[in-house]
Amino acid sequence: ETYFGRVRYIPLLKSNNKTDKKMGARIALNTRIQGTAAEIMKIGMIEIYSYINELNKKSNNNKMLLQIHDEIICEIEDSLVSEAEIRIREILENVTKKENWIVPVTANIKSAKNWEDLK
């Protein structure tokens, strides 16, 4: 089960085969960690989507384009980039604060005009 309560059933844990059972244990541990990380991203993306809709009241050129693993790529109008960087960081770093986590989650924000400048 992930931190947020999503359950993954792992039949390998009930196997009589030791190798399968050990694989099931690894899957269970990995599910808890990676599943929770994925849920943090999903919750953050939902809130970022709402924020971008608010930004679009000022200018309709803002989008959340893509999510890859632990990255979210947004397209924000130049005049709103500084404001968006601050707010998006707040959103992502506060997902777990609502759950009273002791360990803080930090978000790195980068902006650029093109892909080459992000390297």
Protein backbone atom coordinates (compact mmCIF):
# COMPACT_ATOMS: atom_id res chain seq x y z
CA GLU A 1 0.00 0.00 0.00
CA THR A 2 1.26 3.48 -0.84
CA TYR A 3 1.31 6.30 1.68
CA PHE A 4 -1.89 7.71 0.19
CA GLY A 5 -3.67 4.34 0.40
CA ARG A 6 -3.44 2.87 -3.10
CA VAL A 7 -3.26 -0.92 -2.84
CA ARG A 8 -1.29 -3.16 -5.18
CA TYR A 9 -1.98 -6.85 -4.87
CA ILE A 10 1.12 -9.02 -5.25
CA PRO A 11 0.28 -12.72 -5.64
CA LEU A 12 4.01 -13.61 -5.68
CA LEU A 13 4.10 -13.00 -1.91
CA LYS A 14 1.99 -16.14 -1.45
CA SER A 15 4.17 -18.29 -3.72
CA ASN A 16 5.82 -21.43 -2.41
CA ASN A 17 8.81 -20.69 -4.63
CA LYS A 18 11.42 -18.73 -2.58
CA THR A 19 12.69 -16.82 -5.62
CA ASP A 20 9.18 -15.69 -6.54
CA LYS A 21 8.44 -14.78 -2.94
CA LYS A 22 11.61 -12.65 -2.71
CA MET A 23 10.70 -10.95 -5.99
CA GLY A 24 7.25 -10.23 -4.55
CA ALA A 25 8.87 -8.65 -1.48
CA ARG A 26 11.04 -6.42 -3.71
CA ILE A 27 7.98 -5.42 -5.74
CA ALA A 28 6.09 -4.62 -2.53
CA LEU A 29 8.87 -2.37 -1.23
CA ASN A 30 9.33 -0.69 -4.60
CA THR A 31 5.57 -0.15 -4.96
CA ARG A 32 5.39 1.68 -1.66
CA ILE A 33 8.23 4.03 -2.59
CA GLN A 34 7.61 4.60 -6.31
CA GLY A 35 3.83 4.52 -5.96
CA THR A 36 3.93 7.21 -3.29
CA ALA A 37 6.28 9.31 -5.43
CA ALA A 38 3.89 8.97 -8.39
CA GLU A 39 0.96 10.04 -6.21
CA ILE A 40 2.87 13.12 -5.02
CA MET A 41 3.42 14.04 -8.68
CA LYS A 42 -0.24 13.44 -9.55
CA ILE A 43 -1.49 15.58 -6.68
CA GLY A 44 0.99 18.30 -7.64
CA MET A 45 -0.06 18.14 -11.29
CA ILE A 46 -3.73 18.55 -10.38
CA GLU A 47 -2.90 21.66 -8.36
CA ILE A 48 -0.56 23.02 -11.06
CA TYR A 49 -3.32 22.52 -13.64
CA SER A 50 -5.67 24.62 -11.50
CA TYR A 51 -2.99 27.28 -11.07
CA ILE A 52 -2.34 27.42 -14.82
CA ASN A 53 -6.07 27.88 -15.41
CA GLU A 54 -5.86 30.89 -13.08
CA LEU A 55 -2.84 32.20 -15.02
CA ASN A 56 -4.83 31.86 -18.23
CA LYS A 57 -7.22 34.53 -16.96
CA LYS A 58 -4.28 36.93 -17.39
CA SER A 59 -2.98 35.39 -20.60
CA ASN A 60 -4.28 32.32 -22.42
CA ASN A 61 -0.85 31.04 -23.55
CA ASN A 62 0.05 28.87 -20.54
CA LYS A 63 0.05 25.07 -20.53
CA MET A 64 1.26 22.05 -18.64
CA LEU A 65 2.78 20.13 -21.54
CA LEU A 66 4.33 16.95 -20.26
CA GLN A 67 5.25 14.87 -17.23
CA ILE A 68 8.25 12.55 -17.42
CA HIS A 69 9.08 10.57 -14.26
CA ASP A 70 9.72 13.30 -11.69
CA GLU A 71 9.59 16.26 -14.06
CA ILE A 72 6.72 18.45 -15.16
CA ILE A 73 7.19 20.61 -18.21
CA CYS A 74 5.08 23.74 -18.52
CA GLU A 75 4.90 26.46 -21.13
CA ILE A 76 4.39 29.83 -19.45
CA GLU A 77 4.21 33.27 -21.03
CA ASP A 78 7.45 35.24 -20.49
CA SER A 79 5.85 37.94 -18.35
CA LEU A 80 4.50 35.32 -15.91
CA VAL A 81 7.53 33.00 -15.59
CA SER A 82 8.91 34.43 -12.33
CA GLU A 83 5.51 34.31 -10.64
CA ALA A 84 4.86 30.79 -11.97
CA GLU A 85 8.24 29.46 -10.79
CA ILE A 86 7.51 30.56 -7.23
CA ARG A 87 3.96 29.22 -7.18
CA ILE A 88 4.72 25.88 -8.84
CA ARG A 89 7.57 25.26 -6.36
CA GLU A 90 5.18 26.05 -3.50
CA ILE A 91 2.59 23.66 -4.89
CA LEU A 92 5.00 20.75 -5.27
CA GLU A 93 6.76 21.28 -1.94
CA ASN A 94 3.48 21.55 -0.05
CA VAL A 95 1.88 18.31 -1.27
CA THR A 96 3.40 16.38 1.63
CA LYS A 97 3.19 19.22 4.16
CA LYS A 98 -0.58 18.76 4.08
CA GLU A 99 0.09 15.21 5.27
CA ASN A 100 2.36 16.46 8.09
CA TRP A 101 5.44 14.69 6.76
CA ILE A 102 8.60 15.27 8.77
CA VAL A 103 10.93 14.92 5.78
CA PRO A 104 10.58 17.89 3.44
CA VAL A 105 10.12 17.49 -0.29
CA THR A 106 12.07 19.98 -2.38
CA ALA A 107 11.40 20.97 -5.97
CA ASN A 108 13.94 22.33 -8.42
CA ILE A 109 12.55 24.76 -10.96
CA LYS A 110 14.32 25.68 -14.18
CA SER A 111 13.16 27.93 -16.96
CA ALA A 112 14.54 28.45 -20.45
CA LYS A 113 13.51 29.55 -23.89
CA ASN A 114 14.42 26.19 -25.43
CA TRP A 115 15.52 22.63 -24.61
CA GLU A 116 19.23 23.34 -25.16
CA ASP A 117 19.26 25.95 -22.39
CA LEU A 118 17.95 23.41 -19.85
CA LYS A 119 21.07 21.21 -20.01
